[in-house]
PDB file of N, CA and C in Angstrom:
ATOM      1  N   MET A   1     -11.145  -4.514   5.405  1.00  0.00           N
ATOM      2  CA  MET A   1     -10.317  -5.346   6.819  1.00  0.00           C
ATOM      3  C   MET A   1      -9.648  -6.190   5.805  1.00  0.00           C
ATOM      4  N   ARG A   2      -8.687  -6.273   6.411  1.00  0.00           N
ATOM      5  CA  ARG A   2      -7.885  -8.148   6.014  1.00  0.00           C
ATOM      6  C   ARG A   2      -7.386  -8.535   7.350  1.00  0.00           C
ATOM      7  N   GLU A   3      -7.503  -9.658   7.235  1.00  0.00           N
ATOM      8  CA  GLU A   3      -6.946 -10.693   8.095  1.00  0.00           C
ATOM      9  C   GLU A   3      -7.436 -11.729   8.103  1.00  0.00           C
ATOM     10  N   GLY A   4      -6.624 -12.916   8.041  1.00  0.00           N
ATOM     11  CA  GLY A   4      -7.157 -14.309   7.990  1.00  0.00           C
ATOM     12  C   GLY A   4      -6.122 -15.325   8.392  1.00  0.00           C
ATOM     13  N   LYS A   5      -5.890 -16.344   8.515  1.00  0.00           N
ATOM     14  CA  LYS A   5      -5.563 -17.818   9.018  1.00  0.00           C
ATOM     15  C   LYS A   5      -5.098 -18.453   7.505  1.00  0.00           C
ATOM     16  N   GLY A   6      -3.235 -18.817   8.027  1.00  0.00           N
ATOM     17  CA  GLY A   6      -2.958 -19.578   6.484  1.00  0.00           C
ATOM     18  C   GLY A   6      -2.981 -19.050   5.261  1.00  0.00           C
ATOM     19  N   ASP A   7      -3.406 -19.182   4.557  1.00  0.00           N
ATOM     20  CA  ASP A   7      -3.113 -18.625   3.142  1.00  0.00           C
ATOM     21  C   ASP A   7      -4.074 -17.459   2.969  1.00  0.00           C
ATOM     22  N   HIS A   8      -5.275 -17.764   3.259  1.00  0.00           N
ATOM     23  CA  HIS A   8      -7.028 -16.611   3.406  1.00  0.00           C
ATOM     24  C   HIS A   8      -7.221 -15.530   4.108  1.00  0.00           C
ATOM     25  N   GLU A   9      -7.283 -15.325   3.728  1.00  0.00           N
ATOM     26  CA  GLU A   9      -7.746 -13.244   3.228  1.00  0.00           C
ATOM     27  C   GLU A   9      -8.931 -13.400   4.045  1.00  0.00           C
ATOM     28  N   ARG A  10      -9.080 -12.786   4.730  1.00  0.00           N
ATOM     29  CA  ARG A  10     -10.820 -12.147   5.313  1.00  0.00           C
ATOM     30  C   ARG A  10     -11.447 -10.869   5.025  1.00  0.00           C
ATOM     31  N   TRP A  11     -12.067 -10.576   4.113  1.00  0.00           N
ATOM     32  CA  TRP A  11     -12.462  -9.309   3.617  1.00  0.00           C
ATOM     33  C   TRP A  11     -13.300  -9.111   4.058  1.00  0.00           C
ATOM     34  N   THR A  12     -14.176  -7.152   5.157  1.00  0.00           N
ATOM     35  CA  THR A  12     -14.520  -6.714   5.671  1.00  0.00           C
ATOM     36  C   THR A  12     -15.115  -5.894   4.936  1.00  0.00           C
ATOM     37  N   CYS A  13     -16.268  -5.221   4.054  1.00  0.00           N
ATOM     38  CA  CYS A  13     -16.847  -4.038   3.877  1.00  0.00           C
ATOM     39  C   CYS A  13     -16.718  -3.194   4.496  1.00  0.00           C
ATOM     40  N   PRO A  14     -16.903  -2.000   3.691  1.00  0.00           N
ATOM     41  CA  PRO A  14     -17.038  -0.432   4.857  1.00  0.00           C
ATOM     42  C   PRO A  14     -18.045   0.029   5.304  1.00  0.00           C
ATOM     43  N   CYS A  15     -19.576  -0.850   5.377  1.00  0.00           N
ATOM     44  CA  CYS A  15     -20.294  -0.869   5.830  1.00  0.00           C
ATOM     45  C   CYS A  15     -19.936  -2.149   7.296  1.00  0.00           C
ATOM     46  N   GLY A  16     -19.371  -2.820   7.216  1.00  0.00           N
ATOM     47  CA  GLY A  16     -18.725  -3.528   8.236  1.00  0.00           C
ATOM     48  C   GLY A  16     -19.878  -5.118   8.254  1.00  0.00           C
ATOM     49  N   LYS A  17     -20.904  -4.529   7.560  1.00  0.00           N
ATOM     50  CA  LYS A  17     -21.801  -6.343   7.485  1.00  0.00           C
ATOM     51  C   LYS A  17     -21.588  -7.266   6.572  1.00  0.00           C
ATOM     52  N   HIS A  18     -20.882  -7.389   5.483  1.00  0.00           N
ATOM     53  CA  HIS A  18     -20.486  -8.100   4.571  1.00  0.00           C
ATOM     54  C   HIS A  18     -18.995  -8.641   4.784  1.00  0.00           C
ATOM     55  N   LYS A  19     -18.903  -9.745   5.034  1.00  0.00           N
ATOM     56  CA  LYS A  19     -17.073 -10.543   4.810  1.00  0.00           C
ATOM     57  C   LYS A  19     -17.145 -11.692   3.984  1.00  0.00           C
ATOM     58  N   THR A  20     -15.670 -11.999   3.538  1.00  0.00           N
ATOM     59  CA  THR A  20     -15.581 -13.083   2.414  1.00  0.00           C
ATOM     60  C   THR A  20     -14.285 -13.194   2.496  1.00  0.00           C
ATOM     61  N   ALA A  21     -14.065 -14.626   1.565  1.00  0.00           N
ATOM     62  CA  ALA A  21     -12.284 -15.086   2.017  1.00  0.00           C
ATOM     63  C   ALA A  21     -12.249 -15.260   0.694  1.00  0.00           C
ATOM     64  N   LEU A  22     -10.698 -15.133   0.783  1.00  0.00           N
ATOM     65  CA  LEU A  22     -10.074 -15.432  -0.469  1.00  0.00           C
ATOM     66  C   LEU A  22      -8.621 -16.185  -0.129  1.00  0.00           C
ATOM     67  N   VAL A  23      -8.413 -16.605  -0.979  1.00  0.00           N
ATOM     68  CA  VAL A  23      -6.614 -16.208  -0.840  1.00  0.00           C
ATOM     69  C   VAL A  23      -5.967 -16.067  -1.283  1.00  0.00           C
ATOM     70  N   GLN A  24      -5.040 -15.606  -0.655  1.00  0.00           N
ATOM     71  CA  GLN A  24      -3.940 -13.822  -1.171  1.00  0.00           C
ATOM     72  C   GLN A  24      -3.024 -14.657  -2.094  1.00  0.00           C
ATOM     73  N   ASP A  25      -1.795 -13.729  -2.608  1.00  0.00           N
ATOM     74  CA  ASP A  25      -1.261 -14.097  -3.447  1.00  0.00           C
ATOM     75  C   ASP A  25      -1.025 -14.963  -4.630  1.00  0.00           C
ATOM     76  N   THR A  26      -3.230 -15.092  -5.065  1.00  0.00           N
ATOM     77  CA  THR A  26      -3.481 -16.344  -6.206  1.00  0.00           C
ATOM     78  C   THR A  26      -3.714 -15.813  -6.662  1.00  0.00           C
ATOM     79  N   GLU A  27      -4.003 -16.173  -8.439  1.00  0.00           N
ATOM     80  CA  GLU A  27      -5.021 -15.660  -8.996  1.00  0.00           C
ATOM     81  C   GLU A  27      -6.733 -16.292  -9.301  1.00  0.00           C
ATOM     82  N   ASN A  28      -7.230 -15.216  -9.110  1.00  0.00           N
ATOM     83  CA  ASN A  28      -8.830 -15.771  -8.636  1.00  0.00           C
ATOM     84  C   ASN A  28      -9.419 -16.586  -9.518  1.00  0.00           C
ATOM     85  N   SER A  29     -10.485 -17.391  -9.368  1.00  0.00           N
ATOM     86  CA  SER A  29     -11.388 -18.287 -10.927  1.00  0.00           C
ATOM     87  C   SER A  29     -12.175 -17.968 -11.174  1.00  0.00           C
ATOM     88  N   PRO A  30     -12.955 -17.137 -12.132  1.00  0.00           N
ATOM     89  CA  PRO A  30     -14.223 -16.164 -11.546  1.00  0.00           C
ATOM     90  C   PRO A  30     -16.112 -17.041 -11.554  1.00  0.00           C
ATOM     91  N   GLY A  31     -15.106 -17.724 -10.838  1.00  0.00           N
ATOM     92  CA  GLY A  31     -15.930 -18.431  -9.556  1.00  0.00           C
ATOM     93  C   GLY A  31     -16.223 -17.271  -8.544  1.00  0.00           C
ATOM     94  N   VAL A  32     -14.663 -17.188  -7.563  1.00  0.00           N
ATOM     95  CA  VAL A  32     -14.264 -16.956  -6.290  1.00  0.00           C
ATOM     96  C   VAL A  32     -15.009 -15.620  -6.772  1.00  0.00           C
ATOM     97  N   VAL A  33     -14.065 -14.319  -7.672  1.00  0.00           N
ATOM     98  CA  VAL A  33     -14.597 -13.241  -7.774  1.00  0.00           C
ATOM     99  C   VAL A  33     -16.055 -12.639  -8.084  1.00  0.00           C
ATOM    100  N   GLY A  34     -16.739 -14.421  -9.160  1.00  0.00           N
ATOM    101  CA  GLY A  34     -18.496 -14.242  -8.786  1.00  0.00           C
ATOM    102  C   GLY A  34     -19.126 -14.200  -7.648  1.00  0.00           C
ATOM    103  N   GLN A  35     -18.102 -15.266  -6.029  1.00  0.00           N
ATOM    104  CA  GLN A  35     -18.711 -15.018  -4.578  1.00  0.00           C
ATOM    105  C   GLN A  35     -18.677 -14.048  -4.835  1.00  0.00           C
ATOM    106  N   ILE A  36     -17.714 -12.977  -4.816  1.00  0.00           N
ATOM    107  CA  ILE A  36     -17.450 -11.625  -3.489  1.00  0.00           C
ATOM    108  C   ILE A  36     -17.359 -10.691  -3.697  1.00  0.00           C
ATOM    109  N   ILE A  37     -18.417 -10.713  -4.922  1.00  0.00           N
ATOM    110  CA  ILE A  37     -19.200 -10.323  -5.786  1.00  0.00           C
ATOM    111  C   ILE A  37     -20.847 -10.162  -5.063  1.00  0.00           C
ATOM    112  N   LYS A  38     -21.374 -10.652  -4.400  1.00  0.00           N
ATOM    113  CA  LYS A  38     -22.466 -11.571  -4.179  1.00  0.00           C
ATOM    114  C   LYS A  38     -22.075 -11.723  -2.347  1.00  0.00           C
ATOM    115  N   ASP A  39     -20.815 -11.720  -1.621  1.00  0.00           N
ATOM    116  CA  ASP A  39     -20.444 -11.402  -0.680  1.00  0.00           C
ATOM    117  C   ASP A  39     -20.400  -9.767  -0.204  1.00  0.00           C
ATOM    118  N   MET A  40     -20.011  -9.594  -0.836  1.00  0.00           N
ATOM    119  CA  MET A  40     -19.762  -7.913  -0.824  1.00  0.00           C
ATOM    120  C   MET A  40     -20.829  -7.143  -1.365  1.00  0.00           C
ATOM    121  N   ALA A  41     -22.404  -6.998  -0.114  1.00  0.00           N
ATOM    122  CA  ALA A  41     -23.148  -6.541  -1.753  1.00  0.00           C
ATOM    123  C   ALA A  41     -23.031  -5.383  -1.447  1.00  0.00           C
ATOM    124  N   CYS A  42     -23.289  -4.828  -1.059  1.00  0.00           N
ATOM    125  CA  CYS A  42     -22.790  -3.104  -0.253  1.00  0.00           C
ATOM    126  C   CYS A  42     -22.021  -2.132  -1.223  1.00  0.00           C
ATOM    127  N   LEU A  43     -20.961  -2.322  -2.223  1.00  0.00           N
ATOM    128  CA  LEU A  43     -20.270  -1.767  -2.457  1.00  0.00           C
ATOM    129  C   LEU A  43     -20.991  -1.691  -3.797  1.00  0.00           C
ATOM    130  N   PRO A  44     -19.892  -0.610  -4.825  1.00  0.00           N
ATOM    131  CA  PRO A  44     -20.563   0.305  -5.307  1.00  0.00           C
ATOM    132  C   PRO A  44     -20.338  -0.206  -6.716  1.00  0.00           C
ATOM    133  N   LYS A  45     -21.049  -0.145  -8.147  1.00  0.00           N
ATOM    134  CA  LYS A  45     -20.878  -0.846  -9.062  1.00  0.00           C
ATOM    135  C   LYS A  45     -19.895  -0.210  -9.702  1.00  0.00           C
ATOM    136  N   GLY A  46     -18.996  -1.158  -9.901  1.00  0.00           N
ATOM    137  CA  GLY A  46     -17.546  -0.730 -10.609  1.00  0.00           C
ATOM    138  C   GLY A  46     -16.216  -1.132  -9.383  1.00  0.00           C
ATOM    139  N   TRP A  47     -16.772  -0.957  -8.789  1.00  0.00           N
ATOM    140  CA  TRP A  47     -15.919  -0.847  -7.620  1.00  0.00           C
ATOM    141  C   TRP A  47     -14.950  -2.454  -8.168  1.00  0.00           C
ATOM    142  N   LEU A  48     -14.280  -2.623  -9.222  1.00  0.00           N
ATOM    143  CA  LEU A  48     -13.413  -3.559  -8.661  1.00  0.00           C
ATOM    144  C   LEU A  48     -12.965  -3.824 -10.441  1.00  0.00           C
ATOM    145  N   GLN A  49     -12.649  -2.565 -10.871  1.00  0.00           N
ATOM    146  CA  GLN A  49     -12.230  -1.992 -12.128  1.00  0.00           C
ATOM    147  C   GLN A  49     -10.976  -0.926 -11.508  1.00  0.00           C
TER     148      GLN A  49
END
């Protein structure tokens, strides 16, 4: 699910328990990607490939 305010998107995982936010239409740093991985704990390994 993508919803947000301004230039941010709010993402919700398929199970509905985990959420994260990121800036849309920009390249995200490794730190931001790491935080997304932590926030979206229920996603299967390899989902980012």
